[in-house]
Amino acid sequence: MWSGALMTAVSGLALKLGDDVLDEGLGPESLAVVLSCAAVAASVCAVGMGVPPSFPVGLSIGNAVAGKLDEPVHVVAAVVVCIGSVAVGGIPDPVSTSLVASLAALDEVMHDKGLDLGVRPALKVGLPVAWVVGVVPLELPVAAWCFDAGYHLGGWIVVRASNRAGGGAGRGSSEGCGTCE
C-alpha cells in the first residue's frame, strides 16, 4: 500500500507542475506534456502497487463533471488514466468510484466558489469518514492524502520558483494550495 501511496504523491506533484506549466505559460508546451505523461504513468503505477483503481478513475470523472478538463492534454490524460487503471487494476468498485468522483467534483465546485479555504476538504474528510464507516478501503483515504501532498508540493515549488525568478506566481499556480497563497 505505501509504495502505491508514494506513487500517488508523485502523480499529484507531476500533475500540478504540468498543469501550471500549461495554464500559466511557465515553460514550453512540450514540458507540460512530459509532466502530464509522468502524472499519468505514476497514477497507473500506483494502481499496480495497490491503490484501488477507483481513486484515479473517480478523480478523472469528478474533474470532468466539474468542467476541469479544459485543455486537450487534460482530456487525453484523463482517458489514459482511466484506461490504464482499469487495465492494471480491473474494474473499479462502483460505490468507491462514485464517492471519489462526487467528492472530487464537490472540491472543484467549492474551490471555484471560494468556499474551500484553499484546501479542497471534501476528499480529505469524506474518504476517511467513509473508511471509518466501512464503505471504502483504507487505501483510498491514504491515496487521497498522498496525492494532495504531492499536489501541494507542486504548488509550493511553482510559487517559490516564480518568486525567485522575480515574476511572482500567476493566478493558477497556487490554486488548491492554501499553504502556498
C-alpha atoms as a PDB file:
ATOM      1  CA  MET A   1       0.000   0.000   0.000  1.00  0.00           C
ATOM      2  CA  TRP A   2       2.731   2.523   0.898  1.00  0.00           C
ATOM      3  CA  SER A   3       4.602   2.244  -2.398  1.00  0.00           C
ATOM      4  CA  GLY A   4       1.322   2.884  -4.222  1.00  0.00           C
ATOM      5  CA  ALA A   5       0.605   5.845  -1.959  1.00  0.00           C
ATOM      6  CA  LEU A   6       4.062   7.272  -2.700  1.00  0.00           C
ATOM      7  CA  MET A   7       3.436   6.874  -6.415  1.00  0.00           C
ATOM      8  CA  THR A   8       0.121   8.704  -5.954  1.00  0.00           C
ATOM      9  CA  ALA A   9       2.054  11.604  -4.397  1.00  0.00           C
ATOM     10  CA  VAL A  10       4.370  11.623  -7.428  1.00  0.00           C
ATOM     11  CA  SER A  11       1.290  11.729  -9.654  1.00  0.00           C
ATOM     12  CA  GLY A  12      -0.125  14.732  -7.770  1.00  0.00           C
ATOM     13  CA  LEU A  13       3.215  16.539  -7.969  1.00  0.00           C
ATOM     14  CA  ALA A  14       3.653  15.943 -11.702  1.00  0.00           C
ATOM     15  CA  LEU A  15       0.018  16.845 -12.379  1.00  0.00           C
ATOM     16  CA  LYS A  16       0.292  20.193 -10.586  1.00  0.00           C
ATOM     17  CA  LEU A  17       3.592  21.081 -12.241  1.00  0.00           C
ATOM     18  CA  GLY A  18       2.349  20.069 -15.702  1.00  0.00           C
ATOM     19  CA  ASP A  19      -0.924  21.929 -15.264  1.00  0.00           C
ATOM     20  CA  ASP A  20       0.813  25.127 -14.182  1.00  0.00           C
ATOM     21  CA  VAL A  21       3.358  24.925 -16.995  1.00  0.00           C
ATOM     22  CA  LEU A  22       0.460  24.723 -19.459  1.00  0.00           C
ATOM     23  CA  ASP A  23      -2.027  27.100 -17.813  1.00  0.00           C
ATOM     24  CA  GLU A  24       0.447  29.732 -16.658  1.00  0.00           C
ATOM     25  CA  GLY A  25       2.873  29.582 -19.562  1.00  0.00           C
ATOM     26  CA  LEU A  26       5.745  28.676 -17.235  1.00  0.00           C
ATOM     27  CA  GLY A  27       7.548  26.690 -19.883  1.00  0.00           C
ATOM     28  CA  PRO A  28       7.162  25.121 -23.291  1.00  0.00           C
ATOM     29  CA  GLU A  29       4.076  23.050 -24.027  1.00  0.00           C
ATOM     30  CA  SER A  30       6.339  20.043 -24.544  1.00  0.00           C
ATOM     31  CA  LEU A  31       7.334  20.256 -20.852  1.00  0.00           C
ATOM     32  CA  ALA A  32       3.665  20.222 -19.862  1.00  0.00           C
ATOM     33  CA  VAL A  33       3.167  17.113 -21.999  1.00  0.00           C
ATOM     34  CA  VAL A  34       6.163  15.366 -20.394  1.00  0.00           C
ATOM     35  CA  LEU A  35       4.939  16.229 -16.887  1.00  0.00           C
ATOM     36  CA  SER A  36       1.407  15.112 -17.766  1.00  0.00           C
ATOM     37  CA  CYS A  37       2.789  11.816 -19.059  1.00  0.00           C
ATOM     38  CA  ALA A  38       4.696  11.404 -15.792  1.00  0.00           C
ATOM     39  CA  ALA A  39       1.493  12.077 -13.828  1.00  0.00           C
ATOM     40  CA  VAL A  40      -0.421   9.523 -15.891  1.00  0.00           C
ATOM     41  CA  ALA A  41       2.335   6.911 -15.584  1.00  0.00           C
ATOM     42  CA  ALA A  42       2.637   7.433 -11.822  1.00  0.00           C
ATOM     43  CA  SER A  43      -1.128   7.175 -11.428  1.00  0.00           C
ATOM     44  CA  VAL A  44      -1.324   3.888 -13.322  1.00  0.00           C
ATOM     45  CA  CYS A  45       1.757   2.566 -11.482  1.00  0.00           C
ATOM     46  CA  ALA A  46       0.071   3.454  -8.182  1.00  0.00           C
ATOM     47  CA  VAL A  47      -2.815   1.178  -9.135  1.00  0.00           C
ATOM     48  CA  GLY A  48      -0.309  -1.570  -9.907  1.00  0.00           C
ATOM     49  CA  MET A  49       1.151  -1.026  -6.430  1.00  0.00           C
ATOM     50  CA  GLY A  50      -2.118  -1.419  -4.554  1.00  0.00           C
ATOM     51  CA  VAL A  51      -4.080   1.821  -4.894  1.00  0.00           C
ATOM     52  CA  PRO A  52      -7.643   0.901  -5.886  1.00  0.00           C
ATOM     53  CA  PRO A  53      -8.441   1.904  -9.484  1.00  0.00           C
ATOM     54  CA  SER A  54     -11.484   3.721  -8.112  1.00  0.00           C
ATOM     55  CA  PHE A  55      -9.173   6.537  -6.938  1.00  0.00           C
ATOM     56  CA  PRO A  56      -7.670   7.684 -10.268  1.00  0.00           C
ATOM     57  CA  VAL A  57     -10.823   6.808 -12.216  1.00  0.00           C
ATOM     58  CA  GLY A  58     -13.013   8.668  -9.706  1.00  0.00           C
ATOM     59  CA  LEU A  59     -10.701  11.703  -9.746  1.00  0.00           C
ATOM     60  CA  SER A  60     -10.815  11.790 -13.539  1.00  0.00           C
ATOM     61  CA  ILE A  61     -14.607  11.523 -13.611  1.00  0.00           C
ATOM     62  CA  GLY A  62     -15.027  14.139 -10.866  1.00  0.00           C
ATOM     63  CA  ASN A  63     -12.786  16.608 -12.662  1.00  0.00           C
ATOM     64  CA  ALA A  64     -14.650  16.002 -15.922  1.00  0.00           C
ATOM     65  CA  VAL A  65     -18.015  16.582 -14.221  1.00  0.00           C
ATOM     66  CA  ALA A  66     -16.689  19.808 -12.667  1.00  0.00           C
ATOM     67  CA  GLY A  67     -15.502  21.042 -16.078  1.00  0.00           C
ATOM     68  CA  LYS A  68     -11.813  20.984 -15.163  1.00  0.00           C
ATOM     69  CA  LEU A  69     -10.645  19.078 -18.231  1.00  0.00           C
ATOM     70  CA  ASP A  70     -10.273  22.362 -20.117  1.00  0.00           C
ATOM     71  CA  GLU A  71      -7.330  21.543 -22.374  1.00  0.00           C
ATOM     72  CA  PRO A  72      -6.969  18.696 -24.893  1.00  0.00           C
ATOM     73  CA  VAL A  73      -3.981  17.335 -22.972  1.00  0.00           C
ATOM     74  CA  HIS A  74      -6.160  17.140 -19.820  1.00  0.00           C
ATOM     75  CA  VAL A  75      -8.817  15.108 -21.631  1.00  0.00           C
ATOM     76  CA  VAL A  76      -6.266  12.744 -23.156  1.00  0.00           C
ATOM     77  CA  ALA A  77      -4.518  12.298 -19.800  1.00  0.00           C
ATOM     78  CA  ALA A  78      -7.808  11.540 -18.005  1.00  0.00           C
ATOM     79  CA  VAL A  79      -8.814   8.966 -20.618  1.00  0.00           C
ATOM     80  CA  VAL A  80      -5.406   7.277 -20.486  1.00  0.00           C
ATOM     81  CA  VAL A  81      -5.516   7.250 -16.658  1.00  0.00           C
ATOM     82  CA  CYS A  82      -8.928   5.575 -16.718  1.00  0.00           C
ATOM     83  CA  ILE A  83      -7.989   3.003 -19.358  1.00  0.00           C
ATOM     84  CA  GLY A  84      -4.615   2.290 -17.731  1.00  0.00           C
ATOM     85  CA  SER A  85      -6.110   1.997 -14.257  1.00  0.00           C
ATOM     86  CA  VAL A  86      -8.734  -0.471 -15.447  1.00  0.00           C
ATOM     87  CA  ALA A  87      -6.146  -2.432 -17.447  1.00  0.00           C
ATOM     88  CA  VAL A  88      -3.840  -2.721 -14.430  1.00  0.00           C
ATOM     89  CA  GLY A  89      -6.328  -2.889 -11.560  1.00  0.00           C
ATOM     90  CA  GLY A  90      -9.511  -4.266 -13.077  1.00  0.00           C
ATOM     91  CA  ILE A  91     -12.981  -2.787 -12.995  1.00  0.00           C
ATOM     92  CA  PRO A  92     -13.161  -0.293 -10.113  1.00  0.00           C
ATOM     93  CA  ASP A  93     -15.711  -0.690  -7.343  1.00  0.00           C
ATOM     94  CA  PRO A  94     -18.708   1.418  -8.424  1.00  0.00           C
ATOM     95  CA  VAL A  95     -19.508   2.692  -4.917  1.00  0.00           C
ATOM     96  CA  SER A  96     -15.925   3.822  -4.228  1.00  0.00           C
ATOM     97  CA  THR A  97     -15.575   5.311  -7.707  1.00  0.00           C
ATOM     98  CA  SER A  98     -18.846   7.225  -7.381  1.00  0.00           C
ATOM     99  CA  LEU A  99     -17.832   8.516  -3.961  1.00  0.00           C
ATOM    100  CA  VAL A 100     -14.388   9.667  -5.150  1.00  0.00           C
ATOM    101  CA  ALA A 101     -15.920  11.289  -8.258  1.00  0.00           C
ATOM    102  CA  SER A 102     -18.599  13.078  -6.229  1.00  0.00           C
ATOM    103  CA  LEU A 103     -16.155  14.348  -3.617  1.00  0.00           C
ATOM    104  CA  ALA A 104     -13.630  15.442  -6.266  1.00  0.00           C
ATOM    105  CA  ALA A 105     -16.335  17.341  -8.168  1.00  0.00           C
ATOM    106  CA  LEU A 106     -17.549  18.914  -4.916  1.00  0.00           C
ATOM    107  CA  ASP A 107     -13.989  20.014  -4.099  1.00  0.00           C
ATOM    108  CA  GLU A 108     -13.655  21.672  -7.505  1.00  0.00           C
ATOM    109  CA  VAL A 109     -17.023  23.436  -7.301  1.00  0.00           C
ATOM    110  CA  MET A 110     -16.286  24.648  -3.751  1.00  0.00           C
ATOM    111  CA  HIS A 111     -12.866  25.849  -4.915  1.00  0.00           C
ATOM    112  CA  ASP A 112     -14.347  27.791  -7.834  1.00  0.00           C
ATOM    113  CA  LYS A 113     -16.796  29.499  -5.465  1.00  0.00           C
ATOM    114  CA  GLY A 114     -14.081  30.258  -2.885  1.00  0.00           C
ATOM    115  CA  LEU A 115     -15.694  28.023  -0.267  1.00  0.00           C
ATOM    116  CA  ASP A 116     -12.820  25.605   0.290  1.00  0.00           C
ATOM    117  CA  LEU A 117     -10.457  27.790   2.355  1.00  0.00           C
ATOM    118  CA  GLY A 118      -7.743  26.857  -0.145  1.00  0.00           C
ATOM    119  CA  VAL A 119      -7.581  23.224   0.972  1.00  0.00           C
ATOM    120  CA  ARG A 120     -10.276  21.355  -1.022  1.00  0.00           C
ATOM    121  CA  PRO A 121     -11.598  19.450   2.006  1.00  0.00           C
ATOM    122  CA  ALA A 122     -14.238  17.106   0.560  1.00  0.00           C
ATOM    123  CA  LEU A 123     -11.895  14.254  -0.423  1.00  0.00           C
ATOM    124  CA  LYS A 124      -9.618  14.772   2.590  1.00  0.00           C
ATOM    125  CA  VAL A 125     -12.508  14.485   5.036  1.00  0.00           C
ATOM    126  CA  GLY A 126     -15.039  12.415   3.102  1.00  0.00           C
ATOM    127  CA  LEU A 127     -12.833   9.428   2.319  1.00  0.00           C
ATOM    128  CA  PRO A 128     -11.534   8.919   5.884  1.00  0.00           C
ATOM    129  CA  VAL A 129     -15.119   9.126   7.158  1.00  0.00           C
ATOM    130  CA  ALA A 130     -16.190   6.608   4.504  1.00  0.00           C
ATOM    131  CA  TRP A 131     -13.349   4.319   5.623  1.00  0.00           C
ATOM    132  CA  VAL A 132     -14.318   4.593   9.302  1.00  0.00           C
ATOM    133  CA  VAL A 133     -17.883   3.528   8.500  1.00  0.00           C
ATOM    134  CA  GLY A 134     -16.640   0.691   6.286  1.00  0.00           C
ATOM    135  CA  VAL A 135     -17.635   1.988   2.862  1.00  0.00           C
ATOM    136  CA  VAL A 136     -14.142   2.235   1.317  1.00  0.00           C
ATOM    137  CA  PRO A 137     -10.796   0.519   1.933  1.00  0.00           C
ATOM    138  CA  LEU A 138      -8.023   2.317   3.838  1.00  0.00           C
ATOM    139  CA  GLU A 139      -6.034   2.674   0.622  1.00  0.00           C
ATOM    140  CA  LEU A 140      -8.468   5.313  -0.688  1.00  0.00           C
ATOM    141  CA  PRO A 141      -8.061   7.957   2.036  1.00  0.00           C
ATOM    142  CA  VAL A 142      -4.312   7.267   2.133  1.00  0.00           C
ATOM    143  CA  ALA A 143      -4.130   7.755  -1.651  1.00  0.00           C
ATOM    144  CA  ALA A 144      -6.149  10.978  -1.409  1.00  0.00           C
ATOM    145  CA  TRP A 145      -3.907  12.443   1.284  1.00  0.00           C
ATOM    146  CA  CYS A 146      -0.719  11.441  -0.551  1.00  0.00           C
ATOM    147  CA  PHE A 147      -1.964  12.758  -3.897  1.00  0.00           C
ATOM    148  CA  ASP A 148      -2.875  16.014  -2.198  1.00  0.00           C
ATOM    149  CA  ALA A 149       0.537  16.262  -0.528  1.00  0.00           C
ATOM    150  CA  GLY A 150       2.230  15.900  -3.910  1.00  0.00           C
ATOM    151  CA  TYR A 151      -0.154  18.425  -5.465  1.00  0.00           C
ATOM    152  CA  HIS A 152       0.547  20.954  -2.702  1.00  0.00           C
ATOM    153  CA  LEU A 153       4.291  20.394  -3.026  1.00  0.00           C
ATOM    154  CA  GLY A 154       3.965  21.165  -6.740  1.00  0.00           C
ATOM    155  CA  GLY A 155       2.131  24.405  -5.945  1.00  0.00           C
ATOM    156  CA  TRP A 156       4.780  25.347  -3.417  1.00  0.00           C
ATOM    157  CA  ILE A 157       7.579  24.669  -5.926  1.00  0.00           C
ATOM    158  CA  VAL A 158       5.912  26.807  -8.605  1.00  0.00           C
ATOM    159  CA  VAL A 159       5.321  29.726  -6.234  1.00  0.00           C
ATOM    160  CA  ARG A 160       8.875  29.620  -4.872  1.00  0.00           C
ATOM    161  CA  ALA A 161      10.484  29.245  -8.291  1.00  0.00           C
ATOM    162  CA  SER A 162       8.366  32.046  -9.704  1.00  0.00           C
ATOM    163  CA  ASN A 163       9.213  34.342  -6.791  1.00  0.00           C
ATOM    164  CA  ARG A 164      12.936  33.625  -7.148  1.00  0.00           C
ATOM    165  CA  ALA A 165      12.728  34.431 -10.837  1.00  0.00           C
ATOM    166  CA  GLY A 166      11.172  37.763  -9.887  1.00  0.00           C
ATOM    167  CA  GLY A 167       7.878  37.094 -11.612  1.00  0.00           C
ATOM    168  CA  GLY A 168       5.511  36.247  -8.798  1.00  0.00           C
ATOM    169  CA  ALA A 169       3.062  33.418  -9.211  1.00  0.00           C
ATOM    170  CA  GLY A 170       0.297  33.512 -11.759  1.00  0.00           C
ATOM    171  CA  ARG A 171      -3.384  33.049 -11.000  1.00  0.00           C
ATOM    172  CA  GLY A 172      -3.430  29.255 -11.138  1.00  0.00           C
ATOM    173  CA  SER A 173      -0.001  28.494  -9.787  1.00  0.00           C
ATOM    174  CA  SER A 174      -1.116  28.226  -6.188  1.00  0.00           C
ATOM    175  CA  GLU A 175      -4.719  27.130  -6.759  1.00  0.00           C
ATOM    176  CA  GLY A 176      -5.732  24.459  -4.337  1.00  0.00           C
ATOM    177  CA  CYS A 177      -2.706  25.062  -2.191  1.00  0.00           C
ATOM    178  CA  GLY A 178      -3.756  27.085   0.823  1.00  0.00           C
ATOM    179  CA  THR A 179      -0.239  26.989   2.242  1.00  0.00           C
ATOM    180  CA  CYS A 180       1.162  28.472  -0.962  1.00  0.00           C
ATOM    181  CA  GLU A 181      -1.011  31.563  -1.234  1.00  0.00           C
END
